[in-house]
Amino acid sequence: MKNITRDNLTDTVKSSFANIDGERQRHLVNRLVHHLHAFASETGLSHDEWRDGIAFLHRMAEISSPSRSEFTLLSDVLGLSSLVDLLAARPGATEGSVLGPFHTRGSPWVDNGSNLINQNEGEAVLIQGRVTDTDGQPLANASIDFWQNADNGMYWQMDDSQPQDNLRCQLKVQADGRFELATIRPRPYMVPTDGPVGELLRMSHRDAWRPAHFHIIVEATGYRSLITEVFDEADPWVDKDAVFGVRASLVRPFTPASDAATAERMGLPAQYLSVELPIRLARED
């Protein structure tokens, strides 16, 4: 490596990673180097711009925490998260959407049919659905990880007045794949703009709003895990999502309902909203 030039640098760097054991990992690093160098060459990246980019990444790391990932948020607003979701789509399966920066593993386990409303203000919502494979057969071993924001538009990590794990839970479906959960109507909200991603959005004169949605992760042994969102079709931001996560199939009506027996069983008011949420998982490749 005594004679590194602009013409041989990229190939030399790629060769230095040729001994990575895993074929897929080796390929990913090779293409990362290739496209990273191509970006710098194509744009004529200057020293000042390179230093600004490094400083941006430092600020990303400084504001990130176990309950907030600024790197995930950057991936979201750049559309990378949505691209990975779309690349992972399988025929017949429920479409995926972005994980978001406020997911945390280890939410409390609750019984199927639980009520998460507690002291939260907002319109009561009953979510009912069924987890099946792409042929419609129930997946009795499926589990659901659920989270959403409160009526003020904030997740608990953003709002000290909310208890930890507010409006989030994990549950097991019934033997026939069915599940139900009482909660509140989610609200549109702005993605965090107090960090480096906010700087990027302001520089781009972009909106930071996301339409109202529920987050869910659905997992079942032998099937591809699903990370997705469910959007309120009445939300004004559903056609202009800051992180490009809306899919037509994930937009659902929040239908007024008043079944007295269901309201009593689920601890709901006499008038509530109902959302139907069928989930289809694809088998692992």
C-alpha atoms as a PDB file:
ATOM      1  CA  MET A   1       0.000   0.000   0.000  1.00  0.00           C
ATOM      2  CA  LYS A   2       2.916   2.364  -0.618  1.00  0.00           C
ATOM      3  CA  ASN A   3       1.390   3.969  -3.653  1.00  0.00           C
ATOM      4  CA  ILE A   4      -2.205   4.835  -2.807  1.00  0.00           C
ATOM      5  CA  THR A   5      -3.784   7.008  -5.473  1.00  0.00           C
ATOM      6  CA  ARG A   6      -7.270   8.238  -6.226  1.00  0.00           C
ATOM      7  CA  ASP A   7      -7.530   5.553  -8.898  1.00  0.00           C
ATOM      8  CA  ASN A   8      -6.665   2.579  -6.674  1.00  0.00           C
ATOM      9  CA  LEU A   9      -7.874   3.683  -3.226  1.00  0.00           C
ATOM     10  CA  THR A  10     -11.414   2.289  -3.404  1.00  0.00           C
ATOM     11  CA  ASP A  11     -10.342  -1.130  -4.690  1.00  0.00           C
ATOM     12  CA  THR A  12      -7.553  -1.283  -2.109  1.00  0.00           C
ATOM     13  CA  VAL A  13      -9.957  -0.537   0.744  1.00  0.00           C
ATOM     14  CA  LYS A  14     -12.451  -3.119  -0.534  1.00  0.00           C
ATOM     15  CA  SER A  15      -9.668  -5.700  -0.755  1.00  0.00           C
ATOM     16  CA  SER A  16      -8.729  -5.034   2.875  1.00  0.00           C
ATOM     17  CA  PHE A  17     -12.124  -6.445   3.913  1.00  0.00           C
ATOM     18  CA  ALA A  18     -11.933  -9.504   1.663  1.00  0.00           C
ATOM     19  CA  ASN A  19     -11.273 -11.855   4.581  1.00  0.00           C
ATOM     20  CA  ILE A  20     -14.549 -11.208   6.412  1.00  0.00           C
ATOM     21  CA  ASP A  21     -15.823 -14.717   7.159  1.00  0.00           C
ATOM     22  CA  GLY A  22     -19.499 -14.361   6.314  1.00  0.00           C
ATOM     23  CA  GLU A  23     -20.249 -14.094   2.607  1.00  0.00           C
ATOM     24  CA  ARG A  24     -23.215 -11.791   3.106  1.00  0.00           C
ATOM     25  CA  GLN A  25     -21.354  -9.566   5.590  1.00  0.00           C
ATOM     26  CA  ARG A  26     -18.391  -9.407   3.234  1.00  0.00           C
ATOM     27  CA  HIS A  27     -20.674  -8.357   0.374  1.00  0.00           C
ATOM     28  CA  LEU A  28     -22.388  -5.669   2.484  1.00  0.00           C
ATOM     29  CA  VAL A  29     -19.099  -4.091   3.581  1.00  0.00           C
ATOM     30  CA  ASN A  30     -17.730  -4.240   0.036  1.00  0.00           C
ATOM     31  CA  ARG A  31     -20.753  -2.397  -1.369  1.00  0.00           C
ATOM     32  CA  LEU A  32     -20.788   0.080   1.506  1.00  0.00           C
ATOM     33  CA  VAL A  33     -17.209   1.084   0.764  1.00  0.00           C
ATOM     34  CA  HIS A  34     -17.937   1.216  -2.961  1.00  0.00           C
ATOM     35  CA  HIS A  35     -20.945   3.522  -2.669  1.00  0.00           C
ATOM     36  CA  LEU A  36     -19.472   5.641   0.130  1.00  0.00           C
ATOM     37  CA  HIS A  37     -16.409   6.377  -1.961  1.00  0.00           C
ATOM     38  CA  ALA A  38     -18.599   6.965  -5.013  1.00  0.00           C
ATOM     39  CA  PHE A  39     -20.637   9.518  -3.049  1.00  0.00           C
ATOM     40  CA  ALA A  40     -17.508  11.411  -2.010  1.00  0.00           C
ATOM     41  CA  SER A  41     -16.120  11.356  -5.551  1.00  0.00           C
ATOM     42  CA  GLU A  42     -19.378  12.330  -7.233  1.00  0.00           C
ATOM     43  CA  THR A  43     -19.979  15.274  -4.893  1.00  0.00           C
ATOM     44  CA  GLY A  44     -16.334  16.370  -4.634  1.00  0.00           C
ATOM     45  CA  LEU A  45     -16.622  16.178  -0.843  1.00  0.00           C
ATOM     46  CA  SER A  46     -14.481  18.827   0.828  1.00  0.00           C
ATOM     47  CA  HIS A  47     -12.612  18.608   4.135  1.00  0.00           C
ATOM     48  CA  ASP A  48     -15.050  21.048   5.744  1.00  0.00           C
ATOM     49  CA  GLU A  49     -18.051  19.034   4.528  1.00  0.00           C
ATOM     50  CA  TRP A  50     -16.469  15.799   5.731  1.00  0.00           C
ATOM     51  CA  ARG A  51     -15.850  17.344   9.179  1.00  0.00           C
ATOM     52  CA  ASP A  52     -19.429  18.646   9.286  1.00  0.00           C
ATOM     53  CA  GLY A  53     -20.698  15.148   8.505  1.00  0.00           C
ATOM     54  CA  ILE A  54     -18.594  13.601  11.279  1.00  0.00           C
ATOM     55  CA  ALA A  55     -19.799  16.269  13.726  1.00  0.00           C
ATOM     56  CA  PHE A  56     -23.403  15.509  12.694  1.00  0.00           C
ATOM     57  CA  LEU A  57     -22.888  11.837  13.559  1.00  0.00           C
ATOM     58  CA  HIS A  58     -21.309  12.778  16.907  1.00  0.00           C
ATOM     59  CA  ARG A  59     -24.408  14.844  17.776  1.00  0.00           C
ATOM     60  CA  MET A  60     -26.592  11.902  16.721  1.00  0.00           C
ATOM     61  CA  ALA A  61     -24.796   9.658  19.199  1.00  0.00           C
ATOM     62  CA  GLU A  62     -24.903  12.230  21.996  1.00  0.00           C
ATOM     63  CA  ILE A  63     -28.692  12.635  21.886  1.00  0.00           C
ATOM     64  CA  SER A  64     -29.455   8.916  21.486  1.00  0.00           C
ATOM     65  CA  SER A  65     -30.352   6.809  24.524  1.00  0.00           C
ATOM     66  CA  PRO A  66     -31.797   3.375  25.315  1.00  0.00           C
ATOM     67  CA  SER A  67     -35.285   4.848  24.817  1.00  0.00           C
ATOM     68  CA  ARG A  68     -34.561   7.134  21.832  1.00  0.00           C
ATOM     69  CA  SER A  69     -32.588   6.301  18.699  1.00  0.00           C
ATOM     70  CA  GLU A  70     -31.686   9.362  16.649  1.00  0.00           C
ATOM     71  CA  PHE A  71     -30.064   7.015  14.129  1.00  0.00           C
ATOM     72  CA  THR A  72     -33.394   5.241  13.587  1.00  0.00           C
ATOM     73  CA  LEU A  73     -35.070   8.623  13.152  1.00  0.00           C
ATOM     74  CA  LEU A  74     -32.477   9.616  10.541  1.00  0.00           C
ATOM     75  CA  SER A  75     -33.080   6.349   8.701  1.00  0.00           C
ATOM     76  CA  ASP A  76     -36.806   7.116   8.805  1.00  0.00           C
ATOM     77  CA  VAL A  77     -36.666  10.660   7.405  1.00  0.00           C
ATOM     78  CA  LEU A  78     -34.224   9.587   4.675  1.00  0.00           C
ATOM     79  CA  GLY A  79     -36.697   6.910   3.575  1.00  0.00           C
ATOM     80  CA  LEU A  80     -34.209   4.105   4.228  1.00  0.00           C
ATOM     81  CA  SER A  81     -36.424   2.434   6.825  1.00  0.00           C
ATOM     82  CA  SER A  82     -39.338   2.350   4.412  1.00  0.00           C
ATOM     83  CA  LEU A  83     -37.149   1.027   1.601  1.00  0.00           C
ATOM     84  CA  VAL A  84     -35.961  -1.864   3.784  1.00  0.00           C
ATOM     85  CA  ASP A  85     -39.603  -2.570   4.705  1.00  0.00           C
ATOM     86  CA  LEU A  86     -40.651  -2.622   1.051  1.00  0.00           C
ATOM     87  CA  LEU A  87     -37.718  -4.829   0.069  1.00  0.00           C
ATOM     88  CA  ALA A  88     -38.777  -7.319   2.753  1.00  0.00           C
ATOM     89  CA  ALA A  89     -42.416  -7.516   1.582  1.00  0.00           C
ATOM     90  CA  ARG A  90     -43.806 -10.964   0.786  1.00  0.00           C
ATOM     91  CA  PRO A  91     -46.898 -11.737  -1.356  1.00  0.00           C
ATOM     92  CA  GLY A  92     -50.047 -12.123   0.686  1.00  0.00           C
ATOM     93  CA  ALA A  93     -48.496 -10.917   3.942  1.00  0.00           C
ATOM     94  CA  THR A  94     -49.433  -7.752   5.808  1.00  0.00           C
ATOM     95  CA  GLU A  95     -47.213  -4.897   4.695  1.00  0.00           C
ATOM     96  CA  GLY A  96     -44.506  -3.620   7.017  1.00  0.00           C
ATOM     97  CA  SER A  97     -43.838  -0.068   8.099  1.00  0.00           C
ATOM     98  CA  VAL A  98     -41.234   1.790  10.134  1.00  0.00           C
ATOM     99  CA  LEU A  99     -40.208   0.800  13.646  1.00  0.00           C
ATOM    100  CA  GLY A 100     -39.795   4.392  14.782  1.00  0.00           C
ATOM    101  CA  PRO A 101     -37.356   5.774  17.354  1.00  0.00           C
ATOM    102  CA  PHE A 102     -39.457   5.076  20.462  1.00  0.00           C
ATOM    103  CA  HIS A 103     -39.769   1.312  20.510  1.00  0.00           C
ATOM    104  CA  THR A 104     -38.289  -0.416  23.545  1.00  0.00           C
ATOM    105  CA  ARG A 105     -38.149  -4.156  24.112  1.00  0.00           C
ATOM    106  CA  GLY A 106     -39.615  -5.495  27.324  1.00  0.00           C
ATOM    107  CA  SER A 107     -43.050  -3.862  27.478  1.00  0.00           C
ATOM    108  CA  PRO A 108     -45.333  -5.404  30.135  1.00  0.00           C
ATOM    109  CA  TRP A 109     -47.134  -8.632  29.241  1.00  0.00           C
ATOM    110  CA  VAL A 110     -50.908  -8.369  29.580  1.00  0.00           C
ATOM    111  CA  ASP A 111     -53.824 -10.741  29.024  1.00  0.00           C
ATOM    112  CA  ASN A 112     -55.495 -10.818  25.641  1.00  0.00           C
ATOM    113  CA  GLY A 113     -58.486  -8.499  25.969  1.00  0.00           C
ATOM    114  CA  SER A 114     -56.805  -6.043  28.340  1.00  0.00           C
ATOM    115  CA  ASN A 115     -57.619  -2.357  28.664  1.00  0.00           C
ATOM    116  CA  LEU A 116     -54.669   0.068  28.451  1.00  0.00           C
ATOM    117  CA  ILE A 117     -56.648   3.276  28.882  1.00  0.00           C
ATOM    118  CA  ASN A 118     -56.193   3.724  32.660  1.00  0.00           C
ATOM    119  CA  GLN A 119     -55.936   7.481  33.344  1.00  0.00           C
ATOM    120  CA  ASN A 120     -55.327   8.463  29.732  1.00  0.00           C
ATOM    121  CA  GLU A 121     -57.601  11.048  28.156  1.00  0.00           C
ATOM    122  CA  GLY A 122     -58.835  10.546  24.605  1.00  0.00           C
ATOM    123  CA  GLU A 123     -61.419   8.662  22.577  1.00  0.00           C
ATOM    124  CA  ALA A 124     -61.746   5.003  23.545  1.00  0.00           C
ATOM    125  CA  VAL A 125     -60.817   2.496  20.830  1.00  0.00           C
ATOM    126  CA  LEU A 126     -61.333  -1.249  20.604  1.00  0.00           C
ATOM    127  CA  ILE A 127     -58.800  -3.043  18.401  1.00  0.00           C
ATOM    128  CA  GLN A 128     -59.822  -6.507  17.252  1.00  0.00           C
ATOM    129  CA  GLY A 129     -57.970  -8.747  14.851  1.00  0.00           C
ATOM    130  CA  ARG A 130     -56.716 -12.177  13.965  1.00  0.00           C
ATOM    131  CA  VAL A 131     -53.204 -13.387  13.173  1.00  0.00           C
ATOM    132  CA  THR A 132     -53.027 -15.956  10.360  1.00  0.00           C
ATOM    133  CA  ASP A 133     -50.618 -17.215   7.752  1.00  0.00           C
ATOM    134  CA  THR A 134     -51.010 -16.100   4.135  1.00  0.00           C
ATOM    135  CA  ASP A 135     -53.496 -18.949   3.550  1.00  0.00           C
ATOM    136  CA  GLY A 136     -55.762 -17.764   6.365  1.00  0.00           C
ATOM    137  CA  GLN A 137     -54.789 -20.451   8.893  1.00  0.00           C
ATOM    138  CA  PRO A 138     -54.630 -19.146  12.481  1.00  0.00           C
ATOM    139  CA  LEU A 139     -51.261 -18.840  14.211  1.00  0.00           C
ATOM    140  CA  ALA A 140     -51.963 -19.852  17.787  1.00  0.00           C
ATOM    141  CA  ASN A 141     -48.386 -19.191  18.933  1.00  0.00           C
ATOM    142  CA  ALA A 142     -48.268 -15.569  17.748  1.00  0.00           C
ATOM    143  CA  SER A 143     -47.394 -12.689  20.052  1.00  0.00           C
ATOM    144  CA  ILE A 144     -47.997  -8.962  19.641  1.00  0.00           C
ATOM    145  CA  ASP A 145     -45.867  -6.053  20.831  1.00  0.00           C
ATOM    146  CA  PHE A 146     -48.011  -2.882  20.804  1.00  0.00           C
ATOM    147  CA  TRP A 147     -47.244   0.794  21.453  1.00  0.00           C
ATOM    148  CA  GLN A 148     -48.658   4.233  20.657  1.00  0.00           C
ATOM    149  CA  ASN A 149     -48.622   7.860  21.768  1.00  0.00           C
ATOM    150  CA  ALA A 150     -50.912   9.540  24.275  1.00  0.00           C
ATOM    151  CA  ASP A 151     -53.679  12.062  23.596  1.00  0.00           C
ATOM    152  CA  ASN A 152     -51.143  14.912  23.750  1.00  0.00           C
ATOM    153  CA  GLY A 153     -49.252  13.328  20.844  1.00  0.00           C
ATOM    154  CA  MET A 154     -46.278  12.263  22.976  1.00  0.00           C
ATOM    155  CA  TYR A 155     -44.795   8.872  23.772  1.00  0.00           C
ATOM    156  CA  TRP A 156     -43.875   8.231  27.381  1.00  0.00           C
ATOM    157  CA  GLN A 157     -40.180   8.764  26.610  1.00  0.00           C
ATOM    158  CA  MET A 158     -40.997  12.337  25.528  1.00  0.00           C
ATOM    159  CA  ASP A 159     -43.267  13.236  28.442  1.00  0.00           C
ATOM    160  CA  ASP A 160     -42.287  13.074  32.110  1.00  0.00           C
ATOM    161  CA  SER A 161     -45.933  13.218  33.182  1.00  0.00           C
ATOM    162  CA  GLN A 162     -46.638   9.776  31.682  1.00  0.00           C
ATOM    163  CA  PRO A 163     -45.771   6.584  33.543  1.00  0.00           C
ATOM    164  CA  GLN A 164     -43.143   4.343  32.018  1.00  0.00           C
ATOM    165  CA  ASP A 165     -44.586   1.991  29.379  1.00  0.00           C
ATOM    166  CA  ASN A 166     -47.784   4.008  29.105  1.00  0.00           C
ATOM    167  CA  LEU A 167     -50.039   2.689  26.298  1.00  0.00           C
ATOM    168  CA  ARG A 168     -47.797  -0.213  25.378  1.00  0.00           C
ATOM    169  CA  CYS A 169     -47.846  -3.916  26.066  1.00  0.00           C
ATOM    170  CA  GLN A 170     -47.174  -7.422  24.813  1.00  0.00           C
ATOM    171  CA  LEU A 171     -49.811 -10.146  24.554  1.00  0.00           C
ATOM    172  CA  LYS A 172     -50.403 -13.654  23.224  1.00  0.00           C
ATOM    173  CA  VAL A 173     -53.189 -14.339  20.731  1.00  0.00           C
ATOM    174  CA  GLN A 174     -55.885 -16.944  21.354  1.00  0.00           C
ATOM    175  CA  ALA A 175     -55.808 -20.445  19.861  1.00  0.00           C
ATOM    176  CA  ASP A 176     -57.796 -19.200  16.864  1.00  0.00           C
ATOM    177  CA  GLY A 177     -55.336 -16.325  16.334  1.00  0.00           C
ATOM    178  CA  ARG A 178     -57.721 -13.669  17.609  1.00  0.00           C
ATOM    179  CA  PHE A 179     -56.767 -10.749  19.806  1.00  0.00           C
ATOM    180  CA  GLU A 180     -58.405  -7.623  21.178  1.00  0.00           C
ATOM    181  CA  LEU A 181     -57.180  -4.604  23.079  1.00  0.00           C
ATOM    182  CA  ALA A 182     -58.812  -1.467  24.463  1.00  0.00           C
ATOM    183  CA  THR A 183     -56.847   1.755  24.116  1.00  0.00           C
ATOM    184  CA  ILE A 184     -57.282   5.371  22.968  1.00  0.00           C
ATOM    185  CA  ARG A 185     -57.242   6.991  19.562  1.00  0.00           C
ATOM    186  CA  PRO A 186     -53.673   7.922  18.634  1.00  0.00           C
ATOM    187  CA  ARG A 187     -52.793  11.463  17.642  1.00  0.00           C
ATOM    188  CA  PRO A 188     -50.670  12.967  14.872  1.00  0.00           C
ATOM    189  CA  TYR A 189     -47.387  14.289  16.151  1.00  0.00           C
ATOM    190  CA  MET A 190     -44.123  15.846  15.088  1.00  0.00           C
ATOM    191  CA  VAL A 191     -41.037  13.672  15.077  1.00  0.00           C
ATOM    192  CA  PRO A 192     -38.426  15.029  17.493  1.00  0.00           C
ATOM    193  CA  THR A 193     -36.778  18.121  16.066  1.00  0.00           C
ATOM    194  CA  ASP A 194     -34.513  18.981  19.005  1.00  0.00           C
ATOM    195  CA  GLY A 195     -31.596  16.986  17.587  1.00  0.00           C
ATOM    196  CA  PRO A 196     -29.550  16.685  14.405  1.00  0.00           C
ATOM    197  CA  VAL A 197     -32.453  15.193  12.421  1.00  0.00           C
ATOM    198  CA  GLY A 198     -34.479  18.294  13.265  1.00  0.00           C
ATOM    199  CA  GLU A 199     -31.650  20.411  11.857  1.00  0.00           C
ATOM    200  CA  LEU A 200     -31.836  18.434   8.622  1.00  0.00           C
ATOM    201  CA  LEU A 201     -35.624  18.839   8.378  1.00  0.00           C
ATOM    202  CA  ARG A 202     -35.447  22.596   8.967  1.00  0.00           C
ATOM    203  CA  MET A 203     -32.657  22.957   6.427  1.00  0.00           C
ATOM    204  CA  SER A 204     -34.857  21.100   3.938  1.00  0.00           C
ATOM    205  CA  HIS A 205     -38.006  23.122   4.784  1.00  0.00           C
ATOM    206  CA  ARG A 206     -39.783  19.818   5.393  1.00  0.00           C
ATOM    207  CA  ASP A 207     -42.754  19.091   7.634  1.00  0.00           C
ATOM    208  CA  ALA A 208     -41.991  16.939  10.669  1.00  0.00           C
ATOM    209  CA  TRP A 209     -45.530  15.607  11.137  1.00  0.00           C
ATOM    210  CA  ARG A 210     -46.584  11.972  11.258  1.00  0.00           C
ATOM    211  CA  PRO A 211     -50.228  10.851  10.917  1.00  0.00           C
ATOM    212  CA  ALA A 212     -51.887   9.157  13.883  1.00  0.00           C
ATOM    213  CA  HIS A 213     -50.984   5.471  14.126  1.00  0.00           C
ATOM    214  CA  PHE A 214     -50.548   2.388  16.245  1.00  0.00           C
ATOM    215  CA  HIS A 215     -47.247   0.473  16.188  1.00  0.00           C
ATOM    216  CA  ILE A 216     -47.199  -3.318  16.323  1.00  0.00           C
ATOM    217  CA  ILE A 217     -44.678  -6.110  16.033  1.00  0.00           C
ATOM    218  CA  VAL A 218     -46.134  -9.561  15.395  1.00  0.00           C
ATOM    219  CA  GLU A 219     -44.010 -12.693  15.817  1.00  0.00           C
ATOM    220  CA  ALA A 220     -44.715 -16.410  15.463  1.00  0.00           C
ATOM    221  CA  THR A 221     -42.320 -19.359  15.354  1.00  0.00           C
ATOM    222  CA  GLY A 222     -41.545 -20.335  11.777  1.00  0.00           C
ATOM    223  CA  TYR A 223     -42.785 -17.048  10.298  1.00  0.00           C
ATOM    224  CA  ARG A 224     -41.217 -13.762   9.299  1.00  0.00           C
ATOM    225  CA  SER A 225     -41.572 -11.143  12.023  1.00  0.00           C
ATOM    226  CA  LEU A 226     -43.767  -8.208  11.068  1.00  0.00           C
ATOM    227  CA  ILE A 227     -43.021  -4.630  12.102  1.00  0.00           C
ATOM    228  CA  THR A 228     -45.829  -2.375  10.980  1.00  0.00           C
ATOM    229  CA  GLU A 229     -48.173   0.503  11.750  1.00  0.00           C
ATOM    230  CA  VAL A 230     -51.926   1.073  11.552  1.00  0.00           C
ATOM    231  CA  PHE A 231     -53.049   4.519  10.414  1.00  0.00           C
ATOM    232  CA  ASP A 232     -56.234   6.482  11.093  1.00  0.00           C
ATOM    233  CA  GLU A 233     -57.846   7.182   7.706  1.00  0.00           C
ATOM    234  CA  ALA A 234     -59.380  10.413   9.039  1.00  0.00           C
ATOM    235  CA  ASP A 235     -56.014  11.915   9.903  1.00  0.00           C
ATOM    236  CA  PRO A 236     -55.086  14.995   7.822  1.00  0.00           C
ATOM    237  CA  TRP A 237     -51.422  13.953   7.618  1.00  0.00           C
ATOM    238  CA  VAL A 238     -52.047  10.470   6.224  1.00  0.00           C
ATOM    239  CA  ASP A 239     -51.023  11.672   2.734  1.00  0.00           C
ATOM    240  CA  LYS A 240     -47.885  13.478   3.942  1.00  0.00           C
ATOM    241  CA  ASP A 241     -45.920  11.362   6.401  1.00  0.00           C
ATOM    242  CA  ALA A 242     -42.500  12.722   7.397  1.00  0.00           C
ATOM    243  CA  VAL A 243     -41.012   9.206   7.437  1.00  0.00           C
ATOM    244  CA  PHE A 244     -42.787   7.737   4.363  1.00  0.00           C
ATOM    245  CA  GLY A 245     -44.396   4.926   6.382  1.00  0.00           C
ATOM    246  CA  VAL A 246     -47.994   4.985   5.115  1.00  0.00           C
ATOM    247  CA  ARG A 247     -49.199   2.098   2.937  1.00  0.00           C
ATOM    248  CA  ALA A 248     -52.752   2.084   1.587  1.00  0.00           C
ATOM    249  CA  SER A 249     -53.399  -1.349   3.088  1.00  0.00           C
ATOM    250  CA  LEU A 250     -52.467  -0.086   6.564  1.00  0.00           C
ATOM    251  CA  VAL A 251     -54.945   2.811   6.599  1.00  0.00           C
ATOM    252  CA  ARG A 252     -58.009   1.756   8.591  1.00  0.00           C
ATOM    253  CA  PRO A 253     -61.365   3.343   9.474  1.00  0.00           C
ATOM    254  CA  PHE A 254     -62.035   4.094  13.135  1.00  0.00           C
ATOM    255  CA  THR A 255     -65.717   3.135  13.157  1.00  0.00           C
ATOM    256  CA  PRO A 256     -68.164   4.354  15.843  1.00  0.00           C
ATOM    257  CA  ALA A 257     -69.539   1.420  17.870  1.00  0.00           C
ATOM    258  CA  SER A 258     -71.877   0.980  20.833  1.00  0.00           C
ATOM    259  CA  ASP A 259     -72.271  -2.722  21.594  1.00  0.00           C
ATOM    260  CA  ALA A 260     -73.250  -2.784  25.264  1.00  0.00           C
ATOM    261  CA  ALA A 261     -71.962  -6.303  26.014  1.00  0.00           C
ATOM    262  CA  THR A 262     -68.586  -5.578  24.413  1.00  0.00           C
ATOM    263  CA  ALA A 263     -68.295  -2.241  26.199  1.00  0.00           C
ATOM    264  CA  GLU A 264     -68.961  -3.864  29.567  1.00  0.00           C
ATOM    265  CA  ARG A 265     -66.575  -6.766  28.906  1.00  0.00           C
ATOM    266  CA  MET A 266     -63.732  -4.495  27.778  1.00  0.00           C
ATOM    267  CA  GLY A 267     -64.309  -1.667  30.271  1.00  0.00           C
ATOM    268  CA  LEU A 268     -65.209   0.811  27.541  1.00  0.00           C
ATOM    269  CA  PRO A 269     -67.699   3.711  27.570  1.00  0.00           C
ATOM    270  CA  ALA A 270     -71.043   3.155  25.864  1.00  0.00           C
ATOM    271  CA  GLN A 271     -69.790   4.947  22.743  1.00  0.00           C
ATOM    272  CA  TYR A 272     -66.383   3.914  21.448  1.00  0.00           C
ATOM    273  CA  LEU A 273     -64.443   3.439  18.210  1.00  0.00           C
ATOM    274  CA  SER A 274     -63.713   0.089  16.619  1.00  0.00           C
ATOM    275  CA  VAL A 275     -60.732  -0.872  14.442  1.00  0.00           C
ATOM    276  CA  GLU A 276     -60.469  -4.199  12.636  1.00  0.00           C
ATOM    277  CA  LEU A 277     -56.906  -5.396  12.256  1.00  0.00           C
ATOM    278  CA  PRO A 278     -56.290  -8.635  10.330  1.00  0.00           C
ATOM    279  CA  ILE A 279     -52.627  -9.697  10.331  1.00  0.00           C
ATOM    280  CA  ARG A 280     -51.085 -12.164   7.852  1.00  0.00           C
ATOM    281  CA  LEU A 281     -47.551 -13.482   8.321  1.00  0.00           C
ATOM    282  CA  ALA A 282     -45.364 -15.062   5.654  1.00  0.00           C
ATOM    283  CA  ARG A 283     -43.340 -18.178   6.361  1.00  0.00           C
ATOM    284  CA  GLU A 284     -39.636 -17.790   6.913  1.00  0.00           C
ATOM    285  CA  ASP A 285     -37.610 -18.157   3.709  1.00  0.00           C
END
